[in-house]
Amino acid sequence: MAIKNLLVLVILLGVLGVSVAHPKGLYLNYYKHRCPDAESIVRRVTVQYVSHEPSLAAALLRMHFHDCFVRGCDGSILLKYPYNETERYAAPNLSVRGYEVVDAVKSALERKCPGVVSCADVLSLVARDAVIVINGPWWPVPLGRRDGRVSRKSEVNLPSPLSGIAALKKKFFDKGLNTRDLVVLSGAHTIGISHCSVIHHGIYNFTGKSDSDSSMNPRYVRALKRRCNPADNRTIVMDPRSVKKFDSHYFNMVAQRKGLFKSDRTLLDDPETKSYIYTQVATAGSSFNKDFAHSMVKLGFVEILTGNKGEIRKRCAFVN
């Protein structure tokens, strides 16, 4: 309850423009004196990219999530060297994109305030600002993260789209997140894009008998098969009605048993996640934006580096 109340305070003071410290060492307005234009620079560059290519919003939000779930929110997913050994080369991250946005933001910041703003903070801000471009919610981003110097492909063990509810809850609990955060953050799939290869098993050979997952709406399965033949790996949107705008329609899809991933459909297997889904459907997502903002603030504190830990990279793809 104390953590919840503190996060509410952080959000309220963020709206009021008041600087406040979090026990983990992050601050709103952290760069106020050393780089006062930092957040406006991030916003300007992010808007330029995402306005031109709205699908980058989902990509950048996903990148932030993948970063935070491995070694915490330390920008380790951005590292390229040693080649083929860092997080970005792990199988789940091969389809991650949007690095050019982070690099462009960092370059702009380095021109204005050399060696001040961390890549971890850049990614946290870019994810937030990208979502805003497509009419998603704003949330405060306390700053002061340091960049990690270690990135290992072997350590990438993310929540899987093929996981059941028990495995998903454990992954989230291990990062200090709860069941509510799991279902709320899954709502980001409303702007998600995947590939046919990820769902072939579920629609063509779920039990090894040329069948589909019985938890899926049969009409939805037929629609997916029209889109994805067994040898196809084209892209597929997770919520066709709202792929270019951030809203709560994802929960309608899941309630109708039209979740693209097993990790979406399994949210109906847990009383708490199921209740949240049906509440959002019944209320047209009345609390989703607020809930999403709250969970994103929590995500941004996962296993962060502060103080003398880590470094402030000059280039996000390379340690200093």
C-alpha atoms as a PDB file:
ATOM      1  CA  MET A   1       0.000   0.000   0.000  1.00  0.00           C
ATOM      2  CA  ALA A   2       2.882   2.373   0.789  1.00  0.00           C
ATOM      3  CA  ILE A   3       4.400   1.883  -2.675  1.00  0.00           C
ATOM      4  CA  LYS A   4       1.008   2.452  -4.288  1.00  0.00           C
ATOM      5  CA  ASN A   5       0.497   5.679  -2.369  1.00  0.00           C
ATOM      6  CA  LEU A   6       3.993   6.855  -3.280  1.00  0.00           C
ATOM      7  CA  LEU A   7       3.373   6.246  -6.962  1.00  0.00           C
ATOM      8  CA  VAL A   8       0.134   8.206  -6.762  1.00  0.00           C
ATOM      9  CA  LEU A   9       2.115  11.061  -5.200  1.00  0.00           C
ATOM     10  CA  VAL A  10       4.737  10.869  -7.948  1.00  0.00           C
ATOM     11  CA  ILE A  11       2.031  11.088 -10.617  1.00  0.00           C
ATOM     12  CA  LEU A  12       0.257  13.992  -8.889  1.00  0.00           C
ATOM     13  CA  LEU A  13       3.443  15.987  -8.379  1.00  0.00           C
ATOM     14  CA  GLY A  14       4.513  15.254 -11.929  1.00  0.00           C
ATOM     15  CA  VAL A  15       1.322  16.852 -13.181  1.00  0.00           C
ATOM     16  CA  LEU A  16       1.997  19.869 -10.956  1.00  0.00           C
ATOM     17  CA  GLY A  17       5.605  20.116 -12.147  1.00  0.00           C
ATOM     18  CA  VAL A  18       7.073  19.563  -8.684  1.00  0.00           C
ATOM     19  CA  SER A  19      10.365  17.696  -8.311  1.00  0.00           C
ATOM     20  CA  VAL A  20      10.190  14.722  -5.958  1.00  0.00           C
ATOM     21  CA  ALA A  21      12.671  11.969  -5.116  1.00  0.00           C
ATOM     22  CA  HIS A  22      11.815   8.293  -5.157  1.00  0.00           C
ATOM     23  CA  PRO A  23      13.492   6.045  -2.562  1.00  0.00           C
ATOM     24  CA  LYS A  24      15.337   4.293  -5.396  1.00  0.00           C
ATOM     25  CA  GLY A  25      17.100   7.525  -6.343  1.00  0.00           C
ATOM     26  CA  LEU A  26      15.142   8.852  -9.300  1.00  0.00           C
ATOM     27  CA  TYR A  27      13.722  12.367  -9.503  1.00  0.00           C
ATOM     28  CA  LEU A  28      11.181  14.228 -11.534  1.00  0.00           C
ATOM     29  CA  ASN A  29      12.962  17.141 -13.237  1.00  0.00           C
ATOM     30  CA  TYR A  30      16.298  15.388 -12.622  1.00  0.00           C
ATOM     31  CA  TYR A  31      17.973  17.277 -15.490  1.00  0.00           C
ATOM     32  CA  LYS A  32      16.471  20.655 -14.615  1.00  0.00           C
ATOM     33  CA  HIS A  33      19.841  22.290 -13.960  1.00  0.00           C
ATOM     34  CA  ARG A  34      22.330  20.264 -16.013  1.00  0.00           C
ATOM     35  CA  CYS A  35      20.201  19.903 -19.143  1.00  0.00           C
ATOM     36  CA  PRO A  36      16.955  21.854 -18.758  1.00  0.00           C
ATOM     37  CA  ASP A  37      15.821  21.179 -22.337  1.00  0.00           C
ATOM     38  CA  ALA A  38      16.354  17.414 -22.106  1.00  0.00           C
ATOM     39  CA  GLU A  39      12.728  16.334 -22.034  1.00  0.00           C
ATOM     40  CA  SER A  40      11.669  18.786 -24.734  1.00  0.00           C
ATOM     41  CA  ILE A  41      14.481  17.539 -26.986  1.00  0.00           C
ATOM     42  CA  VAL A  42      13.402  13.930 -26.454  1.00  0.00           C
ATOM     43  CA  ARG A  43       9.805  14.835 -27.186  1.00  0.00           C
ATOM     44  CA  ARG A  44      10.621  16.805 -30.327  1.00  0.00           C
ATOM     45  CA  VAL A  45      12.717  14.070 -31.945  1.00  0.00           C
ATOM     46  CA  THR A  46      10.334  11.292 -30.919  1.00  0.00           C
ATOM     47  CA  VAL A  47       7.341  13.141 -32.363  1.00  0.00           C
ATOM     48  CA  GLN A  48       9.206  13.648 -35.642  1.00  0.00           C
ATOM     49  CA  TYR A  49       9.782   9.918 -36.044  1.00  0.00           C
ATOM     50  CA  VAL A  50       6.507   8.527 -34.708  1.00  0.00           C
ATOM     51  CA  SER A  51       4.321  11.037 -36.538  1.00  0.00           C
ATOM     52  CA  HIS A  52       5.897   9.851 -39.771  1.00  0.00           C
ATOM     53  CA  GLU A  53       5.700   6.157 -38.819  1.00  0.00           C
ATOM     54  CA  PRO A  54       3.065   5.516 -36.099  1.00  0.00           C
ATOM     55  CA  SER A  55       3.953   1.823 -35.794  1.00  0.00           C
ATOM     56  CA  LEU A  56       7.150   2.929 -34.072  1.00  0.00           C
ATOM     57  CA  ALA A  57       5.105   3.656 -30.947  1.00  0.00           C
ATOM     58  CA  ALA A  58       4.501  -0.044 -30.383  1.00  0.00           C
ATOM     59  CA  ALA A  59       8.098  -0.850 -31.295  1.00  0.00           C
ATOM     60  CA  LEU A  60       9.590   1.625 -28.836  1.00  0.00           C
ATOM     61  CA  LEU A  61       7.239   0.625 -26.032  1.00  0.00           C
ATOM     62  CA  ARG A  62       8.212  -2.997 -26.631  1.00  0.00           C
ATOM     63  CA  MET A  63      11.911  -2.108 -26.604  1.00  0.00           C
ATOM     64  CA  HIS A  64      11.517  -0.416 -23.223  1.00  0.00           C
ATOM     65  CA  PHE A  65       9.675  -3.438 -21.828  1.00  0.00           C
ATOM     66  CA  HIS A  66      12.309  -5.870 -23.138  1.00  0.00           C
ATOM     67  CA  ASP A  67      15.073  -3.713 -21.691  1.00  0.00           C
ATOM     68  CA  CYS A  68      13.536  -3.525 -18.223  1.00  0.00           C
ATOM     69  CA  PHE A  69      12.902  -7.268 -18.011  1.00  0.00           C
ATOM     70  CA  VAL A  70      16.595  -8.115 -18.500  1.00  0.00           C
ATOM     71  CA  ARG A  71      19.008  -6.545 -15.988  1.00  0.00           C
ATOM     72  CA  GLY A  72      16.441  -3.820 -15.311  1.00  0.00           C
ATOM     73  CA  CYS A  73      15.866  -0.495 -17.065  1.00  0.00           C
ATOM     74  CA  ASP A  74      19.529   0.149 -17.813  1.00  0.00           C
ATOM     75  CA  GLY A  75      19.615   0.500 -21.605  1.00  0.00           C
ATOM     76  CA  SER A  76      21.444  -2.820 -21.958  1.00  0.00           C
ATOM     77  CA  ILE A  77      19.234  -3.836 -24.896  1.00  0.00           C
ATOM     78  CA  LEU A  78      20.803  -0.978 -26.894  1.00  0.00           C
ATOM     79  CA  LEU A  79      24.355  -2.333 -26.778  1.00  0.00           C
ATOM     80  CA  LYS A  80      25.776  -3.837 -29.996  1.00  0.00           C
ATOM     81  CA  TYR A  81      29.186  -5.032 -28.860  1.00  0.00           C
ATOM     82  CA  PRO A  82      30.442  -7.745 -28.503  1.00  0.00           C
ATOM     83  CA  TYR A  83      28.724  -8.449 -31.826  1.00  0.00           C
ATOM     84  CA  ASN A  84      26.127 -11.235 -31.715  1.00  0.00           C
ATOM     85  CA  GLU A  85      26.548 -11.642 -27.943  1.00  0.00           C
ATOM     86  CA  THR A  86      24.428  -8.837 -26.460  1.00  0.00           C
ATOM     87  CA  GLU A  87      20.719  -8.766 -25.626  1.00  0.00           C
ATOM     88  CA  ARG A  88      19.667  -7.293 -28.954  1.00  0.00           C
ATOM     89  CA  TYR A  89      20.854 -10.485 -30.715  1.00  0.00           C
ATOM     90  CA  ALA A  90      18.735 -12.844 -28.585  1.00  0.00           C
ATOM     91  CA  ALA A  91      15.894 -14.518 -30.496  1.00  0.00           C
ATOM     92  CA  PRO A  92      13.039 -12.546 -28.832  1.00  0.00           C
ATOM     93  CA  ASN A  93      14.828  -9.268 -29.634  1.00  0.00           C
ATOM     94  CA  LEU A  94      15.681  -9.869 -33.283  1.00  0.00           C
ATOM     95  CA  SER A  95      12.383  -8.253 -34.289  1.00  0.00           C
ATOM     96  CA  VAL A  96      12.826  -5.284 -31.942  1.00  0.00           C
ATOM     97  CA  ARG A  97      13.121  -2.062 -33.900  1.00  0.00           C
ATOM     98  CA  GLY A  98      13.270   1.665 -33.310  1.00  0.00           C
ATOM     99  CA  TYR A  99      16.942   1.908 -32.366  1.00  0.00           C
ATOM    100  CA  GLU A 100      17.343   4.759 -34.834  1.00  0.00           C
ATOM    101  CA  VAL A 101      14.926   6.878 -32.801  1.00  0.00           C
ATOM    102  CA  VAL A 102      16.888   6.364 -29.589  1.00  0.00           C
ATOM    103  CA  ASP A 103      20.147   7.109 -31.402  1.00  0.00           C
ATOM    104  CA  ALA A 104      18.728  10.297 -32.937  1.00  0.00           C
ATOM    105  CA  VAL A 105      17.469  11.500 -29.565  1.00  0.00           C
ATOM    106  CA  LYS A 106      20.780  10.723 -27.894  1.00  0.00           C
ATOM    107  CA  SER A 107      22.718  12.567 -30.627  1.00  0.00           C
ATOM    108  CA  ALA A 108      20.537  15.630 -30.188  1.00  0.00           C
ATOM    109  CA  LEU A 109      21.060  15.534 -26.419  1.00  0.00           C
ATOM    110  CA  GLU A 110      24.818  15.111 -26.765  1.00  0.00           C
ATOM    111  CA  ARG A 111      24.989  18.213 -28.946  1.00  0.00           C
ATOM    112  CA  LYS A 112      23.163  20.211 -26.285  1.00  0.00           C
ATOM    113  CA  CYS A 113      24.385  18.579 -23.057  1.00  0.00           C
ATOM    114  CA  PRO A 114      27.362  16.243 -23.615  1.00  0.00           C
ATOM    115  CA  GLY A 115      27.660  13.333 -21.202  1.00  0.00           C
ATOM    116  CA  VAL A 116      24.630  14.210 -19.089  1.00  0.00           C
ATOM    117  CA  VAL A 117      21.526  12.225 -20.100  1.00  0.00           C
ATOM    118  CA  SER A 118      21.698   8.439 -19.887  1.00  0.00           C
ATOM    119  CA  CYS A 119      20.490   6.131 -22.625  1.00  0.00           C
ATOM    120  CA  ALA A 120      18.334   4.352 -20.026  1.00  0.00           C
ATOM    121  CA  ASP A 121      16.502   7.613 -19.347  1.00  0.00           C
ATOM    122  CA  VAL A 122      16.270   8.325 -23.075  1.00  0.00           C
ATOM    123  CA  LEU A 123      14.546   5.001 -23.701  1.00  0.00           C
ATOM    124  CA  SER A 124      12.155   5.533 -20.776  1.00  0.00           C
ATOM    125  CA  LEU A 125      11.165   8.962 -22.105  1.00  0.00           C
ATOM    126  CA  VAL A 126      10.973   7.917 -25.746  1.00  0.00           C
ATOM    127  CA  ALA A 127       8.575   5.076 -24.887  1.00  0.00           C
ATOM    128  CA  ARG A 128       6.278   7.486 -23.043  1.00  0.00           C
ATOM    129  CA  ASP A 129       6.379  10.198 -25.701  1.00  0.00           C
ATOM    130  CA  ALA A 130       5.835   7.708 -28.545  1.00  0.00           C
ATOM    131  CA  VAL A 131       2.632   6.469 -26.903  1.00  0.00           C
ATOM    132  CA  ILE A 132       1.405  10.040 -26.494  1.00  0.00           C
ATOM    133  CA  VAL A 133       1.792  10.647 -30.241  1.00  0.00           C
ATOM    134  CA  ILE A 134      -0.846   7.967 -30.925  1.00  0.00           C
ATOM    135  CA  ASN A 135      -3.244   9.377 -28.319  1.00  0.00           C
ATOM    136  CA  GLY A 136      -2.099   7.179 -25.463  1.00  0.00           C
ATOM    137  CA  PRO A 137      -1.792   8.288 -21.835  1.00  0.00           C
ATOM    138  CA  TRP A 138       0.906  10.484 -20.325  1.00  0.00           C
ATOM    139  CA  TRP A 139       2.770   9.251 -17.280  1.00  0.00           C
ATOM    140  CA  PRO A 140       5.523  10.875 -15.214  1.00  0.00           C
ATOM    141  CA  VAL A 141       9.020   9.530 -15.820  1.00  0.00           C
ATOM    142  CA  PRO A 142      11.291  10.067 -12.822  1.00  0.00           C
ATOM    143  CA  LEU A 143      14.859  10.290 -14.114  1.00  0.00           C
ATOM    144  CA  GLY A 144      18.410   9.594 -13.022  1.00  0.00           C
ATOM    145  CA  ARG A 145      18.947   6.059 -14.315  1.00  0.00           C
ATOM    146  CA  ARG A 146      22.496   5.086 -15.208  1.00  0.00           C
ATOM    147  CA  ASP A 147      23.482   2.940 -18.164  1.00  0.00           C
ATOM    148  CA  GLY A 148      24.521  -0.656 -17.687  1.00  0.00           C
ATOM    149  CA  ARG A 149      27.877  -1.849 -18.989  1.00  0.00           C
ATOM    150  CA  VAL A 150      26.878  -5.497 -19.353  1.00  0.00           C
ATOM    151  CA  SER A 151      24.562  -7.040 -21.940  1.00  0.00           C
ATOM    152  CA  ARG A 152      24.376 -10.789 -22.501  1.00  0.00           C
ATOM    153  CA  LYS A 153      22.242 -12.619 -25.012  1.00  0.00           C
ATOM    154  CA  SER A 154      22.212 -15.647 -22.711  1.00  0.00           C
ATOM    155  CA  GLU A 155      20.379 -13.691 -20.004  1.00  0.00           C
ATOM    156  CA  VAL A 156      17.360 -12.815 -22.132  1.00  0.00           C
ATOM    157  CA  ASN A 157      14.465 -14.757 -20.629  1.00  0.00           C
ATOM    158  CA  LEU A 158      11.387 -12.666 -21.321  1.00  0.00           C
ATOM    159  CA  PRO A 159       7.716 -13.415 -20.716  1.00  0.00           C
ATOM    160  CA  SER A 160       6.805 -15.554 -23.707  1.00  0.00           C
ATOM    161  CA  PRO A 161       3.784 -15.137 -26.007  1.00  0.00           C
ATOM    162  CA  LEU A 162       3.420 -18.911 -25.643  1.00  0.00           C
ATOM    163  CA  SER A 163       3.271 -18.874 -21.820  1.00  0.00           C
ATOM    164  CA  GLY A 164       0.355 -19.730 -19.590  1.00  0.00           C
ATOM    165  CA  ILE A 165      -0.880 -17.547 -16.776  1.00  0.00           C
ATOM    166  CA  ALA A 166       1.240 -19.134 -14.012  1.00  0.00           C
ATOM    167  CA  ALA A 167       4.504 -18.600 -15.890  1.00  0.00           C
ATOM    168  CA  LEU A 168       3.559 -15.031 -16.783  1.00  0.00           C
ATOM    169  CA  LYS A 169       2.695 -14.140 -13.207  1.00  0.00           C
ATOM    170  CA  LYS A 170       6.010 -15.525 -11.973  1.00  0.00           C
ATOM    171  CA  LYS A 171       7.956 -13.462 -14.524  1.00  0.00           C
ATOM    172  CA  PHE A 172       6.177 -10.318 -13.384  1.00  0.00           C
ATOM    173  CA  PHE A 173       6.449 -11.121  -9.679  1.00  0.00           C
ATOM    174  CA  ASP A 174      10.202 -11.679 -10.107  1.00  0.00           C
ATOM    175  CA  LYS A 175      10.475  -8.069 -11.300  1.00  0.00           C
ATOM    176  CA  GLY A 176       8.399  -6.603  -8.481  1.00  0.00           C
ATOM    177  CA  LEU A 177       5.272  -6.327 -10.611  1.00  0.00           C
ATOM    178  CA  ASN A 178       1.918  -7.862  -9.747  1.00  0.00           C
ATOM    179  CA  THR A 179      -1.028  -9.528 -11.460  1.00  0.00           C
ATOM    180  CA  ARG A 180      -2.724  -6.198 -12.120  1.00  0.00           C
ATOM    181  CA  ASP A 181       0.411  -4.924 -13.846  1.00  0.00           C
ATOM    182  CA  LEU A 182       0.453  -8.055 -16.006  1.00  0.00           C
ATOM    183  CA  VAL A 183      -3.035  -7.561 -17.403  1.00  0.00           C
ATOM    184  CA  VAL A 184      -2.725  -3.783 -17.651  1.00  0.00           C
ATOM    185  CA  LEU A 185       0.588  -3.844 -19.524  1.00  0.00           C
ATOM    186  CA  SER A 186      -0.757  -6.591 -21.796  1.00  0.00           C
ATOM    187  CA  GLY A 187      -3.222  -3.934 -22.929  1.00  0.00           C
ATOM    188  CA  ALA A 188      -0.362  -2.382 -24.907  1.00  0.00           C
ATOM    189  CA  HIS A 189      -1.002  -5.167 -27.426  1.00  0.00           C
ATOM    190  CA  THR A 190      -3.793  -2.948 -28.718  1.00  0.00           C
ATOM    191  CA  ILE A 191      -1.079  -1.350 -30.879  1.00  0.00           C
ATOM    192  CA  GLY A 192       0.948  -4.532 -31.260  1.00  0.00           C
ATOM    193  CA  ILE A 193       2.272  -6.070 -34.457  1.00  0.00           C
ATOM    194  CA  SER A 194       3.587  -9.630 -34.686  1.00  0.00           C
ATOM    195  CA  HIS A 195       4.469 -12.223 -37.325  1.00  0.00           C
ATOM    196  CA  CYS A 196       2.595 -15.236 -38.587  1.00  0.00           C
ATOM    197  CA  SER A 197       5.373 -17.597 -37.488  1.00  0.00           C
ATOM    198  CA  VAL A 198       4.557 -16.836 -33.841  1.00  0.00           C
ATOM    199  CA  ILE A 199       0.973 -18.099 -34.183  1.00  0.00           C
ATOM    200  CA  HIS A 200       1.361 -20.985 -36.651  1.00  0.00           C
ATOM    201  CA  HIS A 201       1.450 -23.514 -33.815  1.00  0.00           C
ATOM    202  CA  GLY A 202      -1.735 -22.177 -32.256  1.00  0.00           C
ATOM    203  CA  ILE A 203      -3.815 -22.195 -35.425  1.00  0.00           C
ATOM    204  CA  TYR A 204      -2.433 -25.176 -37.354  1.00  0.00           C
ATOM    205  CA  ASN A 205      -0.976 -27.808 -35.027  1.00  0.00           C
ATOM    206  CA  PHE A 206      -1.682 -26.985 -31.409  1.00  0.00           C
ATOM    207  CA  THR A 207      -1.703 -30.562 -30.047  1.00  0.00           C
ATOM    208  CA  GLY A 208       0.177 -32.208 -32.894  1.00  0.00           C
ATOM    209  CA  LYS A 209      -3.017 -33.296 -34.626  1.00  0.00           C
ATOM    210  CA  SER A 210      -3.360 -30.507 -37.198  1.00  0.00           C
ATOM    211  CA  ASP A 211      -5.735 -28.640 -34.891  1.00  0.00           C
ATOM    212  CA  SER A 212      -6.024 -25.176 -33.398  1.00  0.00           C
ATOM    213  CA  ASP A 213      -6.040 -23.968 -29.818  1.00  0.00           C
ATOM    214  CA  SER A 214      -9.546 -24.655 -28.494  1.00  0.00           C
ATOM    215  CA  SER A 215      -9.390 -21.475 -26.404  1.00  0.00           C
ATOM    216  CA  MET A 216      -9.528 -19.417 -29.613  1.00  0.00           C
ATOM    217  CA  ASN A 217     -12.726 -18.172 -31.246  1.00  0.00           C
ATOM    218  CA  PRO A 218     -13.234 -20.477 -34.292  1.00  0.00           C
ATOM    219  CA  ARG A 219     -14.147 -17.544 -36.546  1.00  0.00           C
ATOM    220  CA  TYR A 220     -10.984 -15.798 -35.454  1.00  0.00           C
ATOM    221  CA  VAL A 221      -8.940 -18.891 -36.273  1.00  0.00           C
ATOM    222  CA  ARG A 222     -10.402 -18.970 -39.777  1.00  0.00           C
ATOM    223  CA  ALA A 223      -9.575 -15.287 -40.242  1.00  0.00           C
ATOM    224  CA  LEU A 224      -6.003 -15.854 -39.081  1.00  0.00           C
ATOM    225  CA  LYS A 225      -5.597 -18.776 -41.468  1.00  0.00           C
ATOM    226  CA  ARG A 226      -6.678 -16.566 -44.351  1.00  0.00           C
ATOM    227  CA  ARG A 227      -3.967 -14.136 -43.338  1.00  0.00           C
ATOM    228  CA  CYS A 228      -1.250 -16.653 -42.450  1.00  0.00           C
ATOM    229  CA  ASN A 229      -0.705 -19.798 -44.505  1.00  0.00           C
ATOM    230  CA  PRO A 230       1.560 -22.461 -42.939  1.00  0.00           C
ATOM    231  CA  ALA A 231       4.667 -21.201 -44.747  1.00  0.00           C
ATOM    232  CA  ASP A 232       3.958 -17.504 -44.308  1.00  0.00           C
ATOM    233  CA  ASN A 233       5.748 -15.088 -41.990  1.00  0.00           C
ATOM    234  CA  ARG A 234       4.129 -11.800 -42.908  1.00  0.00           C
ATOM    235  CA  THR A 235       3.250  -9.258 -40.256  1.00  0.00           C
ATOM    236  CA  ILE A 236      -0.083  -9.385 -38.486  1.00  0.00           C
ATOM    237  CA  VAL A 237      -1.710  -6.805 -36.239  1.00  0.00           C
ATOM    238  CA  MET A 238      -2.930  -7.823 -32.816  1.00  0.00           C
ATOM    239  CA  ASP A 239      -5.956  -5.537 -32.728  1.00  0.00           C
ATOM    240  CA  PRO A 240      -6.999  -4.563 -36.280  1.00  0.00           C
ATOM    241  CA  ARG A 241      -9.432  -1.876 -35.120  1.00  0.00           C
ATOM    242  CA  SER A 242      -6.921   0.153 -33.132  1.00  0.00           C
ATOM    243  CA  VAL A 243      -3.415  -0.694 -34.290  1.00  0.00           C
ATOM    244  CA  LYS A 244      -2.699   3.011 -34.938  1.00  0.00           C
ATOM    245  CA  LYS A 245      -4.237   4.387 -31.756  1.00  0.00           C
ATOM    246  CA  PHE A 246      -3.823   3.518 -28.117  1.00  0.00           C
ATOM    247  CA  ASP A 247      -7.108   2.466 -26.538  1.00  0.00           C
ATOM    248  CA  SER A 248      -8.725  -0.330 -24.517  1.00  0.00           C
ATOM    249  CA  HIS A 249     -10.125  -2.324 -27.452  1.00  0.00           C
ATOM    250  CA  TYR A 250      -7.574  -5.085 -26.847  1.00  0.00           C
ATOM    251  CA  PHE A 251      -9.644  -6.215 -23.877  1.00  0.00           C
ATOM    252  CA  ASN A 252     -12.701  -6.582 -26.105  1.00  0.00           C
ATOM    253  CA  MET A 253     -10.673  -8.828 -28.378  1.00  0.00           C
ATOM    254  CA  VAL A 254      -9.496 -10.996 -25.488  1.00  0.00           C
ATOM    255  CA  ALA A 255     -13.017 -11.230 -24.039  1.00  0.00           C
ATOM    256  CA  GLN A 256     -14.226 -12.512 -27.416  1.00  0.00           C
ATOM    257  CA  ARG A 257     -11.444 -15.148 -27.349  1.00  0.00           C
ATOM    258  CA  LYS A 258      -9.588 -13.334 -30.107  1.00  0.00           C
ATOM    259  CA  GLY A 259      -6.271 -12.905 -28.333  1.00  0.00           C
ATOM    260  CA  LEU A 260      -3.490 -13.441 -30.858  1.00  0.00           C
ATOM    261  CA  PHE A 261      -1.018 -15.009 -28.438  1.00  0.00           C
ATOM    262  CA  LYS A 262      -1.520 -17.719 -25.865  1.00  0.00           C
ATOM    263  CA  SER A 263      -0.277 -15.134 -23.351  1.00  0.00           C
ATOM    264  CA  ASP A 264      -3.291 -12.990 -24.289  1.00  0.00           C
ATOM    265  CA  ARG A 265      -5.844 -15.782 -24.159  1.00  0.00           C
ATOM    266  CA  THR A 266      -4.571 -17.143 -20.853  1.00  0.00           C
ATOM    267  CA  LEU A 267      -5.552 -13.893 -19.143  1.00  0.00           C
ATOM    268  CA  LEU A 268      -9.053 -15.389 -19.040  1.00  0.00           C
ATOM    269  CA  ASP A 269      -7.704 -18.262 -16.912  1.00  0.00           C
ATOM    270  CA  ASP A 270      -7.058 -16.174 -13.807  1.00  0.00           C
ATOM    271  CA  PRO A 271      -9.868 -14.619 -11.729  1.00  0.00           C
ATOM    272  CA  GLU A 272      -8.119 -11.278 -11.240  1.00  0.00           C
ATOM    273  CA  THR A 273      -7.006 -10.760 -14.833  1.00  0.00           C
ATOM    274  CA  LYS A 274     -10.332 -12.006 -16.171  1.00  0.00           C
ATOM    275  CA  SER A 275     -12.250  -9.622 -13.906  1.00  0.00           C
ATOM    276  CA  TYR A 276     -10.127  -6.699 -15.051  1.00  0.00           C
ATOM    277  CA  ILE A 277     -10.725  -7.547 -18.717  1.00  0.00           C
ATOM    278  CA  TYR A 278     -14.487  -7.726 -18.335  1.00  0.00           C
ATOM    279  CA  THR A 279     -14.549  -4.536 -16.285  1.00  0.00           C
ATOM    280  CA  GLN A 280     -12.718  -2.673 -19.055  1.00  0.00           C
ATOM    281  CA  VAL A 281     -15.110  -4.071 -21.650  1.00  0.00           C
ATOM    282  CA  ALA A 282     -18.169  -3.112 -19.593  1.00  0.00           C
ATOM    283  CA  THR A 283     -16.903   0.409 -18.927  1.00  0.00           C
ATOM    284  CA  ALA A 284     -15.328   1.111 -22.343  1.00  0.00           C
ATOM    285  CA  GLY A 285     -11.897   1.178 -20.739  1.00  0.00           C
ATOM    286  CA  SER A 286     -12.783   3.857 -18.219  1.00  0.00           C
ATOM    287  CA  SER A 287      -9.752   3.257 -15.991  1.00  0.00           C
ATOM    288  CA  PHE A 288      -7.295   1.783 -18.484  1.00  0.00           C
ATOM    289  CA  ASN A 289      -5.263   4.911 -19.233  1.00  0.00           C
ATOM    290  CA  LYS A 290      -4.837   5.683 -15.542  1.00  0.00           C
ATOM    291  CA  ASP A 291      -3.978   2.066 -14.761  1.00  0.00           C
ATOM    292  CA  PHE A 292      -1.517   1.888 -17.635  1.00  0.00           C
ATOM    293  CA  ALA A 293       0.244   5.041 -16.475  1.00  0.00           C
ATOM    294  CA  HIS A 294       0.533   3.618 -12.960  1.00  0.00           C
ATOM    295  CA  SER A 295       2.019   0.321 -14.183  1.00  0.00           C
ATOM    296  CA  MET A 296       4.449   2.071 -16.527  1.00  0.00           C
ATOM    297  CA  VAL A 297       5.801   4.136 -13.636  1.00  0.00           C
ATOM    298  CA  LYS A 298       6.371   0.891 -11.719  1.00  0.00           C
ATOM    299  CA  LEU A 299       8.037  -0.742 -14.726  1.00  0.00           C
ATOM    300  CA  GLY A 300      10.444   2.174 -15.002  1.00  0.00           C
ATOM    301  CA  PHE A 301      11.845   1.441 -11.533  1.00  0.00           C
ATOM    302  CA  VAL A 302      12.725  -2.209 -12.191  1.00  0.00           C
ATOM    303  CA  GLU A 303      16.318  -2.975 -11.115  1.00  0.00           C
ATOM    304  CA  ILE A 304      17.626   0.484 -12.015  1.00  0.00           C
ATOM    305  CA  LEU A 305      21.212   1.685 -11.653  1.00  0.00           C
ATOM    306  CA  THR A 306      21.776   5.004  -9.867  1.00  0.00           C
ATOM    307  CA  GLY A 307      24.519   6.901  -8.077  1.00  0.00           C
ATOM    308  CA  ASN A 308      27.957   5.590  -9.020  1.00  0.00           C
ATOM    309  CA  LYS A 309      26.705   2.403 -10.627  1.00  0.00           C
ATOM    310  CA  GLY A 310      26.960   2.055 -14.388  1.00  0.00           C
ATOM    311  CA  GLU A 311      27.826   5.039 -16.558  1.00  0.00           C
ATOM    312  CA  ILE A 312      26.413   7.696 -18.873  1.00  0.00           C
ATOM    313  CA  ARG A 313      27.152   6.385 -22.367  1.00  0.00           C
ATOM    314  CA  LYS A 314      28.243   8.761 -25.084  1.00  0.00           C
ATOM    315  CA  ARG A 315      26.671   6.503 -27.695  1.00  0.00           C
ATOM    316  CA  CYS A 316      23.845   4.190 -26.731  1.00  0.00           C
ATOM    317  CA  ALA A 317      25.120   1.221 -28.738  1.00  0.00           C
ATOM    318  CA  PHE A 318      28.543   1.163 -27.079  1.00  0.00           C
ATOM    319  CA  VAL A 319      29.956   1.354 -23.580  1.00  0.00           C
ATOM    320  CA  ASN A 320      32.389   4.214 -23.010  1.00  0.00           C
END
